[in-house]
Amino acid sequence: MKTVLITGANKGIGLETAKQLLEQDYFVFLASRDSQRGQEALNHLRAQGFTHVELVLMDVTNQDSIQAARQTIGQRIQALDALINNAGVPSPMPQTPLETDTADYKRVMETNYLGAVAVTQTFMDLLEQSPQPRIVNVSSSLGSLTLQTDPGWKYHGVMPASYVPSKAALNAYTVVLAYHLRETPFKINAVDPGFPATDLNQHSGTETVSAAAARVVKVVMLGPNSPSGQFFSEDSGPETGVIPW
């Protein structure tokens, strides 16, 4: 049975991704920084008959918390097959680059970018024990600099000042890490889950959480001959499945 760790998995895309991977016979480590919400999410999944799932407390902005989670998971398994860096926080809207306090840039960057880096580094030893390890960074098309500078793009001008750089940084880390591990079985990719209605956007999204999670799951389950260092998105159409950085 393959194993997967999903950060920020107590609600929204993370929780639905957990459900869909459980349906694919993965053992899921459901990471949540809030114990009560994490337990509620765990109960929700177990009430549906899923047993191969465990709650792990983890705050991706706290290295001690990440290390404790690594110890807990390391006592259960010898290899981790997939890591989904899903934990994320939004920016308040509207938000301009000149008026946004640097404290908000730091807050968003610590979770959306640095948190993913810290978790990846801490769990790398377990991932290296998998024959086909996967790292999926849940990003956003808002982090694509190419699309953001295209006046014809449907979301052109939607630029929350602290959120866009955080996802652009996560995208850059995806490229750097994929290149560093290019001679290994690792597949490291970013995925844009679309615009689902979640707490992150006050449920203003136009798509379902189920569809968004399915996009993440699709990238997690890429085969050994699949690409690494790509930015997958449904917005690209069926031709390539990728969008520009």
Foldseek 3Di string as FASTA:
>chain_A
DAEEEEAPQLDFLNLLLVLVVLVVVYQYEREDQDPVSQVVSVVVSVVVPRDSYHYQYADLLDLVSLLVSLVVVVVVDQAHAEYELDWFAAFDPPADQVPDDVVVLVVRLSRLPVSLVSNCVNCVNRHQPDQAHEYEYEAAPLLFPVLCPDPPRPCHPRDHPNRNPSRVNNLVVQQVVCVVCVVGNYAGEYEHLAFAQDVNVVGPGDDHSNSSSVRRNVRSPDDSPDHHSFYAYCVVPPPPRGDHD
